[in-house]
């Protein structure tokens, strides 16, 4: 079943709580920013996502999984470079 961009946005934006996220599009691609709403600090920003990757619920789920993996990798990297107290 084909999804509209509005449906894809709603699914993606609700998938990262307690973090906030926003997704926007231009004529051929989408951008996703995942951030901490309390501080405004970006956790992940991905641009150039082909809109065809958001066509079905399965496509959207796959993208959400990939974004979660990226967040996990980013968080591990942040922990690794924190100064030892």
C-alpha atoms as a PDB file:
ATOM      1  CA  UNK A   1       0.000   0.000   0.000  1.00  0.00           C
ATOM      2  CA  UNK A   2       1.410   3.355  -1.015  1.00  0.00           C
ATOM      3  CA  UNK A   3       1.876   5.984   1.669  1.00  0.00           C
ATOM      4  CA  UNK A   4       1.660   9.714   1.337  1.00  0.00           C
ATOM      5  CA  UNK A   5       4.512  11.872   2.557  1.00  0.00           C
ATOM      6  CA  UNK A   6       2.261  13.137   5.367  1.00  0.00           C
ATOM      7  CA  UNK A   7       1.684   9.575   6.578  1.00  0.00           C
ATOM      8  CA  UNK A   8       5.390   8.796   6.320  1.00  0.00           C
ATOM      9  CA  UNK A   9       6.240  11.946   8.269  1.00  0.00           C
ATOM     10  CA  UNK A  10       3.791  11.090  11.049  1.00  0.00           C
ATOM     11  CA  UNK A  11       5.209   7.579  11.382  1.00  0.00           C
ATOM     12  CA  UNK A  12       8.836   8.726  11.397  1.00  0.00           C
ATOM     13  CA  UNK A  13       8.279  11.661  13.748  1.00  0.00           C
ATOM     14  CA  UNK A  14       6.546   9.421  16.307  1.00  0.00           C
ATOM     15  CA  UNK A  15       9.238   6.728  16.168  1.00  0.00           C
ATOM     16  CA  UNK A  16      12.012   8.350  18.183  1.00  0.00           C
ATOM     17  CA  UNK A  17      10.515   9.401  21.511  1.00  0.00           C
ATOM     18  CA  UNK A  18      11.748  10.668  23.911  1.00  0.00           C
ATOM     19  CA  UNK A  19      13.752  12.459  21.221  1.00  0.00           C
ATOM     20  CA  UNK A  20      11.955  14.719  18.789  1.00  0.00           C
ATOM     21  CA  UNK A  21      12.265  14.563  15.048  1.00  0.00           C
ATOM     22  CA  UNK A  22      11.210  16.496  12.006  1.00  0.00           C
ATOM     23  CA  UNK A  23      11.135  15.497   8.389  1.00  0.00           C
ATOM     24  CA  UNK A  24      10.863  17.799   5.416  1.00  0.00           C
ATOM     25  CA  UNK A  25      10.963  17.366   1.674  1.00  0.00           C
ATOM     26  CA  UNK A  26      11.819  19.151  -1.502  1.00  0.00           C
ATOM     27  CA  UNK A  27      10.903  18.007  -4.997  1.00  0.00           C
ATOM     28  CA  UNK A  28      12.879  14.757  -4.951  1.00  0.00           C
ATOM     29  CA  UNK A  29      14.273  14.048  -1.501  1.00  0.00           C
ATOM     30  CA  UNK A  30      13.638  14.232   2.221  1.00  0.00           C
ATOM     31  CA  UNK A  31      15.660  15.399   5.220  1.00  0.00           C
ATOM     32  CA  UNK A  32      15.309  14.035   8.742  1.00  0.00           C
ATOM     33  CA  UNK A  33      16.583  15.673  11.907  1.00  0.00           C
ATOM     34  CA  UNK A  34      16.414  13.844  15.215  1.00  0.00           C
ATOM     35  CA  UNK A  35      17.099  16.047  18.221  1.00  0.00           C
ATOM     36  CA  UNK A  36      16.680  16.580  21.939  1.00  0.00           C
ATOM     37  CA  UNK A  37      13.732  18.947  22.281  1.00  0.00           C
ATOM     38  CA  UNK A  38      14.848  20.153  25.713  1.00  0.00           C
ATOM     39  CA  UNK A  39      18.261  21.308  24.528  1.00  0.00           C
ATOM     40  CA  UNK A  40      17.785  21.583  20.765  1.00  0.00           C
ATOM     41  CA  UNK A  41      20.913  19.453  20.309  1.00  0.00           C
ATOM     42  CA  UNK A  42      20.868  17.473  17.068  1.00  0.00           C
ATOM     43  CA  UNK A  43      21.450  13.771  17.514  1.00  0.00           C
ATOM     44  CA  UNK A  44      21.274  12.856  13.821  1.00  0.00           C
ATOM     45  CA  UNK A  45      20.684  14.664  10.541  1.00  0.00           C
ATOM     46  CA  UNK A  46      20.212  12.818   7.263  1.00  0.00           C
ATOM     47  CA  UNK A  47      19.591  14.537   3.930  1.00  0.00           C
ATOM     48  CA  UNK A  48      19.071  13.307   0.404  1.00  0.00           C
ATOM     49  CA  UNK A  49      16.662  10.486   1.225  1.00  0.00           C
ATOM     50  CA  UNK A  50      14.988   9.413  -1.991  1.00  0.00           C
ATOM     51  CA  UNK A  51      11.226   9.858  -1.635  1.00  0.00           C
ATOM     52  CA  UNK A  52      10.711   6.433  -3.221  1.00  0.00           C
ATOM     53  CA  UNK A  53      12.164   4.989   0.018  1.00  0.00           C
ATOM     54  CA  UNK A  54       9.008   6.217   1.765  1.00  0.00           C
ATOM     55  CA  UNK A  55       6.463   4.524  -0.508  1.00  0.00           C
ATOM     56  CA  UNK A  56       5.181   1.721   1.752  1.00  0.00           C
ATOM     57  CA  UNK A  57       4.858   0.995   5.459  1.00  0.00           C
ATOM     58  CA  UNK A  58       7.622  -1.601   5.079  1.00  0.00           C
ATOM     59  CA  UNK A  59       9.919   0.989   3.440  1.00  0.00           C
ATOM     60  CA  UNK A  60       9.273   3.446   6.239  1.00  0.00           C
ATOM     61  CA  UNK A  61       9.863   0.799   8.905  1.00  0.00           C
ATOM     62  CA  UNK A  62      13.154  -0.153   7.270  1.00  0.00           C
ATOM     63  CA  UNK A  63      14.253   3.500   7.225  1.00  0.00           C
ATOM     64  CA  UNK A  64      13.289   3.951  10.895  1.00  0.00           C
ATOM     65  CA  UNK A  65      15.348   0.864  11.778  1.00  0.00           C
ATOM     66  CA  UNK A  66      18.343   2.238   9.869  1.00  0.00           C
ATOM     67  CA  UNK A  67      18.016   5.609  11.615  1.00  0.00           C
ATOM     68  CA  UNK A  68      17.834   3.895  15.020  1.00  0.00           C
ATOM     69  CA  UNK A  69      21.010   1.987  14.211  1.00  0.00           C
ATOM     70  CA  UNK A  70      22.743   5.230  13.230  1.00  0.00           C
ATOM     71  CA  UNK A  71      21.620   6.868  16.483  1.00  0.00           C
ATOM     72  CA  UNK A  72      22.973   3.935  18.434  1.00  0.00           C
ATOM     73  CA  UNK A  73      26.325   4.178  16.656  1.00  0.00           C
ATOM     74  CA  UNK A  74      26.447   7.954  17.214  1.00  0.00           C
ATOM     75  CA  UNK A  75      25.687   7.526  20.930  1.00  0.00           C
ATOM     76  CA  UNK A  76      28.388   4.874  21.303  1.00  0.00           C
ATOM     77  CA  UNK A  77      30.854   7.250  19.651  1.00  0.00           C
ATOM     78  CA  UNK A  78      29.900  10.068  22.020  1.00  0.00           C
ATOM     79  CA  UNK A  79      30.396   7.810  25.022  1.00  0.00           C
ATOM     80  CA  UNK A  80      33.803   6.722  23.735  1.00  0.00           C
ATOM     81  CA  UNK A  81      35.135  10.290  23.497  1.00  0.00           C
ATOM     82  CA  UNK A  82      33.844  11.588  26.820  1.00  0.00           C
ATOM     83  CA  UNK A  83      36.617  12.583  29.181  1.00  0.00           C
ATOM     84  CA  UNK A  84      37.302  10.220  32.071  1.00  0.00           C
ATOM     85  CA  UNK A  85      36.542  11.746  35.454  1.00  0.00           C
END
